[in-house]
Each structure stands twice: as C-alpha cells, then as structure tokens.
N, C-alpha and C. Protein backbone atom coordinates (compact mmCIF):
# COMPACT_ATOMS: atom_id res chain seq x y z
N MET A 1 -7.03 -4.45 -41.26
CA MET A 1 -7.63 -3.13 -41.31
C MET A 1 -7.44 -2.54 -42.70
N CYS A 2 -8.37 -1.75 -43.10
CA CYS A 2 -8.31 -1.10 -44.40
C CYS A 2 -7.13 -0.14 -44.44
N ARG A 3 -6.30 -0.23 -45.46
CA ARG A 3 -5.12 0.62 -45.54
C ARG A 3 -5.47 2.10 -45.66
N ASN A 4 -6.64 2.42 -46.18
CA ASN A 4 -7.00 3.81 -46.38
C ASN A 4 -7.47 4.50 -45.10
N ILE A 5 -7.73 3.74 -44.07
CA ILE A 5 -8.15 4.35 -42.81
C ILE A 5 -6.89 4.66 -42.01
N ARG A 6 -6.71 5.91 -41.69
CA ARG A 6 -5.51 6.38 -41.01
C ARG A 6 -5.73 6.44 -39.50
N VAL A 7 -4.62 6.31 -38.78
CA VAL A 7 -4.66 6.51 -37.33
C VAL A 7 -4.99 7.97 -37.08
N LEU A 8 -5.93 8.22 -36.19
CA LEU A 8 -6.35 9.60 -35.91
C LEU A 8 -6.02 10.03 -34.48
N HIS A 9 -5.67 9.09 -33.64
CA HIS A 9 -5.44 9.38 -32.23
C HIS A 9 -4.04 9.94 -31.98
N ASN A 10 -3.97 10.89 -31.09
CA ASN A 10 -2.72 11.44 -30.55
C ASN A 10 -1.91 12.22 -31.57
N PHE A 11 -2.57 13.09 -32.30
CA PHE A 11 -1.88 14.01 -33.21
C PHE A 11 -2.06 15.43 -32.71
N GLU A 12 -1.10 16.26 -33.03
CA GLU A 12 -1.19 17.68 -32.71
C GLU A 12 -1.13 18.43 -34.02
N PRO A 13 -2.14 19.18 -34.41
CA PRO A 13 -3.43 19.35 -33.74
C PRO A 13 -4.27 18.08 -33.87
N PRO A 14 -5.26 17.93 -33.00
CA PRO A 14 -6.11 16.74 -33.04
C PRO A 14 -6.84 16.61 -34.38
N ALA A 15 -7.23 15.39 -34.68
CA ALA A 15 -7.98 15.13 -35.92
C ALA A 15 -9.25 15.97 -35.93
N GLY A 16 -9.53 16.54 -37.08
CA GLY A 16 -10.72 17.36 -37.22
C GLY A 16 -11.91 16.55 -37.72
N GLU A 17 -13.04 17.21 -37.79
CA GLU A 17 -14.27 16.55 -38.24
C GLU A 17 -14.12 15.96 -39.65
N GLU A 18 -13.41 16.66 -40.51
CA GLU A 18 -13.23 16.19 -41.88
C GLU A 18 -12.45 14.87 -41.92
N GLU A 19 -11.40 14.77 -41.12
CA GLU A 19 -10.62 13.53 -41.06
C GLU A 19 -11.44 12.39 -40.47
N VAL A 20 -12.20 12.70 -39.44
CA VAL A 20 -13.04 11.68 -38.80
C VAL A 20 -14.09 11.19 -39.78
N ARG A 21 -14.71 12.10 -40.49
CA ARG A 21 -15.75 11.71 -41.45
C ARG A 21 -15.16 10.89 -42.60
N ALA A 22 -13.97 11.27 -43.07
CA ALA A 22 -13.32 10.52 -44.15
C ALA A 22 -13.03 9.08 -43.70
N ALA A 23 -12.57 8.92 -42.47
CA ALA A 23 -12.31 7.58 -41.95
C ALA A 23 -13.61 6.79 -41.83
N ALA A 24 -14.67 7.45 -41.38
CA ALA A 24 -15.97 6.79 -41.25
C ALA A 24 -16.48 6.35 -42.63
N LEU A 25 -16.32 7.20 -43.61
CA LEU A 25 -16.75 6.87 -44.97
C LEU A 25 -15.97 5.66 -45.50
N GLN A 26 -14.66 5.64 -45.28
CA GLN A 26 -13.85 4.50 -45.73
C GLN A 26 -14.29 3.22 -45.04
N TYR A 27 -14.58 3.31 -43.75
CA TYR A 27 -15.02 2.13 -43.00
C TYR A 27 -16.35 1.61 -43.56
N VAL A 28 -17.30 2.49 -43.76
CA VAL A 28 -18.61 2.07 -44.25
C VAL A 28 -18.48 1.51 -45.67
N ARG A 29 -17.65 2.11 -46.49
CA ARG A 29 -17.42 1.57 -47.83
C ARG A 29 -16.86 0.16 -47.76
N LYS A 30 -15.89 -0.05 -46.88
CA LYS A 30 -15.27 -1.36 -46.75
C LYS A 30 -16.27 -2.40 -46.27
N VAL A 31 -17.01 -2.06 -45.23
CA VAL A 31 -17.97 -3.01 -44.65
C VAL A 31 -19.09 -3.32 -45.63
N SER A 32 -19.57 -2.31 -46.33
CA SER A 32 -20.70 -2.52 -47.25
C SER A 32 -20.26 -3.13 -48.57
N GLY A 33 -18.97 -3.01 -48.89
CA GLY A 33 -18.49 -3.51 -50.18
C GLY A 33 -18.87 -2.62 -51.33
N SER A 34 -19.23 -1.38 -51.03
CA SER A 34 -19.70 -0.46 -52.06
C SER A 34 -19.07 0.91 -51.87
N THR A 35 -18.51 1.46 -52.94
CA THR A 35 -17.96 2.81 -52.84
C THR A 35 -19.04 3.87 -53.02
N LYS A 36 -20.08 3.50 -53.74
CA LYS A 36 -21.21 4.41 -53.95
C LYS A 36 -22.48 3.58 -53.85
N PRO A 37 -23.29 3.85 -52.85
CA PRO A 37 -24.49 3.03 -52.67
C PRO A 37 -25.54 3.32 -53.75
N SER A 38 -26.40 2.36 -53.96
CA SER A 38 -27.53 2.57 -54.88
C SER A 38 -28.48 3.58 -54.23
N ARG A 39 -29.39 4.10 -55.01
CA ARG A 39 -30.36 5.06 -54.45
C ARG A 39 -31.17 4.43 -53.33
N ALA A 40 -31.46 3.14 -53.47
CA ALA A 40 -32.24 2.44 -52.44
C ALA A 40 -31.48 2.36 -51.12
N ASN A 41 -30.16 2.33 -51.18
CA ASN A 41 -29.35 2.19 -49.96
C ASN A 41 -28.68 3.48 -49.52
N GLU A 42 -28.89 4.55 -50.27
CA GLU A 42 -28.21 5.81 -50.00
C GLU A 42 -28.47 6.35 -48.59
N ALA A 43 -29.72 6.32 -48.15
CA ALA A 43 -30.05 6.85 -46.82
C ALA A 43 -29.40 6.02 -45.72
N ALA A 44 -29.46 4.70 -45.85
CA ALA A 44 -28.84 3.82 -44.84
C ALA A 44 -27.34 4.03 -44.81
N PHE A 45 -26.73 4.18 -45.97
CA PHE A 45 -25.30 4.41 -46.09
C PHE A 45 -24.92 5.72 -45.38
N GLY A 46 -25.68 6.77 -45.65
CA GLY A 46 -25.42 8.07 -45.01
C GLY A 46 -25.58 8.02 -43.51
N ARG A 47 -26.63 7.33 -43.04
CA ARG A 47 -26.82 7.20 -41.58
C ARG A 47 -25.67 6.43 -40.95
N ALA A 48 -25.19 5.41 -41.64
CA ALA A 48 -24.07 4.62 -41.12
C ALA A 48 -22.81 5.48 -41.02
N VAL A 49 -22.54 6.28 -42.04
CA VAL A 49 -21.37 7.16 -42.00
C VAL A 49 -21.50 8.14 -40.83
N ASP A 50 -22.68 8.72 -40.65
CA ASP A 50 -22.91 9.64 -39.54
C ASP A 50 -22.68 8.96 -38.19
N ALA A 51 -23.20 7.75 -38.04
CA ALA A 51 -23.08 7.02 -36.78
C ALA A 51 -21.63 6.65 -36.49
N VAL A 52 -20.92 6.18 -37.50
CA VAL A 52 -19.51 5.80 -37.31
C VAL A 52 -18.68 7.04 -37.01
N ALA A 53 -18.95 8.15 -37.69
CA ALA A 53 -18.22 9.38 -37.43
C ALA A 53 -18.47 9.86 -36.00
N ALA A 54 -19.71 9.79 -35.54
CA ALA A 54 -20.03 10.21 -34.17
C ALA A 54 -19.32 9.31 -33.15
N ALA A 55 -19.35 8.00 -33.37
CA ALA A 55 -18.69 7.07 -32.46
C ALA A 55 -17.18 7.28 -32.46
N THR A 56 -16.61 7.54 -33.64
CA THR A 56 -15.18 7.78 -33.75
C THR A 56 -14.78 9.06 -33.03
N GLY A 57 -15.55 10.10 -33.22
CA GLY A 57 -15.28 11.37 -32.52
C GLY A 57 -15.33 11.19 -31.01
N GLU A 58 -16.34 10.47 -30.54
CA GLU A 58 -16.46 10.21 -29.10
C GLU A 58 -15.26 9.41 -28.60
N LEU A 59 -14.88 8.39 -29.33
CA LEU A 59 -13.73 7.58 -28.95
C LEU A 59 -12.46 8.43 -28.85
N LEU A 60 -12.21 9.24 -29.87
CA LEU A 60 -11.00 10.07 -29.88
C LEU A 60 -10.98 11.06 -28.72
N ARG A 61 -12.15 11.59 -28.36
CA ARG A 61 -12.22 12.54 -27.23
C ARG A 61 -11.94 11.85 -25.91
N GLU A 62 -12.30 10.57 -25.79
CA GLU A 62 -12.18 9.85 -24.53
C GLU A 62 -10.85 9.13 -24.35
N LEU A 63 -10.12 8.87 -25.43
CA LEU A 63 -8.85 8.17 -25.32
C LEU A 63 -7.82 9.03 -24.60
N THR A 64 -7.00 8.38 -23.79
CA THR A 64 -5.90 9.08 -23.12
C THR A 64 -4.60 8.35 -23.41
N THR A 65 -3.51 9.07 -23.32
CA THR A 65 -2.19 8.48 -23.54
C THR A 65 -1.14 9.31 -22.83
N THR A 66 -0.05 8.66 -22.49
CA THR A 66 1.08 9.37 -21.90
C THR A 66 2.13 9.65 -22.96
N ALA A 67 1.94 9.12 -24.17
CA ALA A 67 2.89 9.34 -25.26
C ALA A 67 2.78 10.77 -25.77
N PRO A 68 3.89 11.32 -26.23
CA PRO A 68 3.81 12.67 -26.79
C PRO A 68 3.02 12.64 -28.10
N PRO A 69 2.35 13.75 -28.44
CA PRO A 69 1.58 13.79 -29.68
C PRO A 69 2.47 13.55 -30.89
N ARG A 70 1.90 12.89 -31.90
CA ARG A 70 2.62 12.61 -33.13
C ARG A 70 2.52 13.80 -34.08
N ASN A 71 3.50 13.87 -34.95
CA ASN A 71 3.55 14.91 -35.97
C ASN A 71 3.10 14.30 -37.29
N ARG A 72 2.12 14.91 -37.94
CA ARG A 72 1.57 14.37 -39.19
C ARG A 72 2.63 14.27 -40.29
N GLU A 73 3.50 15.26 -40.38
CA GLU A 73 4.53 15.24 -41.42
C GLU A 73 5.51 14.09 -41.21
N VAL A 74 5.91 13.86 -39.97
CA VAL A 74 6.84 12.77 -39.66
C VAL A 74 6.18 11.43 -39.97
N GLU A 75 4.93 11.28 -39.56
CA GLU A 75 4.21 10.03 -39.81
C GLU A 75 4.01 9.80 -41.31
N ALA A 76 3.75 10.87 -42.06
CA ALA A 76 3.59 10.75 -43.51
C ALA A 76 4.90 10.31 -44.15
N GLU A 77 6.01 10.84 -43.69
CA GLU A 77 7.31 10.43 -44.23
C GLU A 77 7.59 8.98 -43.91
N LYS A 78 7.24 8.52 -42.72
CA LYS A 78 7.42 7.10 -42.37
C LYS A 78 6.60 6.23 -43.32
N ALA A 79 5.38 6.65 -43.61
CA ALA A 79 4.52 5.89 -44.53
C ALA A 79 5.12 5.85 -45.93
N ARG A 80 5.67 6.99 -46.38
CA ARG A 80 6.30 7.01 -47.70
C ARG A 80 7.52 6.09 -47.73
N ALA A 81 8.29 6.05 -46.64
CA ALA A 81 9.46 5.17 -46.58
C ALA A 81 9.03 3.70 -46.64
N ARG A 82 7.94 3.35 -45.93
CA ARG A 82 7.43 1.98 -45.99
C ARG A 82 6.99 1.63 -47.41
N TRP A 83 6.34 2.58 -48.08
CA TRP A 83 5.89 2.37 -49.46
C TRP A 83 7.09 2.13 -50.37
N ARG A 84 8.15 2.95 -50.21
CA ARG A 84 9.35 2.77 -51.03
C ARG A 84 9.97 1.40 -50.80
N GLN A 85 9.98 0.95 -49.55
CA GLN A 85 10.52 -0.39 -49.25
C GLN A 85 9.70 -1.47 -49.92
N ARG A 86 8.37 -1.35 -49.86
CA ARG A 86 7.50 -2.34 -50.52
C ARG A 86 7.75 -2.36 -52.03
N GLN A 87 7.88 -1.17 -52.61
CA GLN A 87 8.12 -1.09 -54.06
C GLN A 87 9.46 -1.73 -54.41
N ALA A 88 10.48 -1.49 -53.61
CA ALA A 88 11.80 -2.07 -53.86
C ALA A 88 11.74 -3.60 -53.75
N ARG A 89 11.03 -4.13 -52.75
CA ARG A 89 10.91 -5.58 -52.61
C ARG A 89 10.15 -6.18 -53.79
N MET A 90 9.11 -5.50 -54.23
CA MET A 90 8.32 -6.00 -55.37
C MET A 90 9.18 -5.98 -56.64
N ALA A 91 9.97 -4.94 -56.83
CA ALA A 91 10.83 -4.86 -58.00
C ALA A 91 11.88 -5.97 -57.96
N GLN A 92 12.40 -6.25 -56.78
CA GLN A 92 13.39 -7.31 -56.63
C GLN A 92 12.77 -8.67 -56.95
N THR A 93 11.56 -8.87 -56.51
CA THR A 93 10.87 -10.13 -56.74
C THR A 93 10.64 -10.35 -58.24
N ARG A 94 10.28 -9.28 -58.93
CA ARG A 94 10.01 -9.39 -60.37
C ARG A 94 11.26 -9.66 -61.18
N THR A 95 12.40 -9.11 -60.74
CA THR A 95 13.62 -9.24 -61.53
C THR A 95 14.46 -10.45 -61.14
N GLY A 96 14.20 -11.02 -60.03
CA GLY A 96 15.07 -12.12 -59.80
C GLY A 96 14.95 -12.92 -58.64
C-alpha cells in the first residue's frame, strides 16, 4: 500500500471530505503513475479522483467495528516513533 495513504476508518471525529479526497488523490496518482496528469488526461484523472472519493466515503460510512475510536494525535505519535526507529536502523546500517 502507498505509504502516503492514511487509515481513515474508526477515528473520532470521523474522517472528513478533505481527508477522503486527499486519500483518493494519492491512490489515483499511485495507480496512474502520474502526480500531475497531462491536459489530455486531466478530465479522466479528475473523474477517477471523484469516483474513488465517493467509493471511499461510502465504504467508511458502512464499516462497523466494536473497537473504540482511535485518536489522531496518538496515531501520529506512533507513526513518528516508527519513523525514528527506521532512521536509527538506517544510521546503524550505514555506520557499521
């Protein structure tokens, strides 16, 4: 999975339209292999982002869970800790 696409399910408050659209844009960019489509492909690219965002929104509304909602700040700190661990491992690999 693309590292830039974040988990959106089971957060309090729920993911908003902006987060859903950003994830859809990242997905379409990854699948198309293009961060910015040519003028010839711009309309198709935009329709794809709209369709993925709509499907993602529908999915998030329909998913159910018994787990308590996640906290964005806690999850962000976990991600930063994982990043620090990766950086430490990479530094160790380079030095010895």
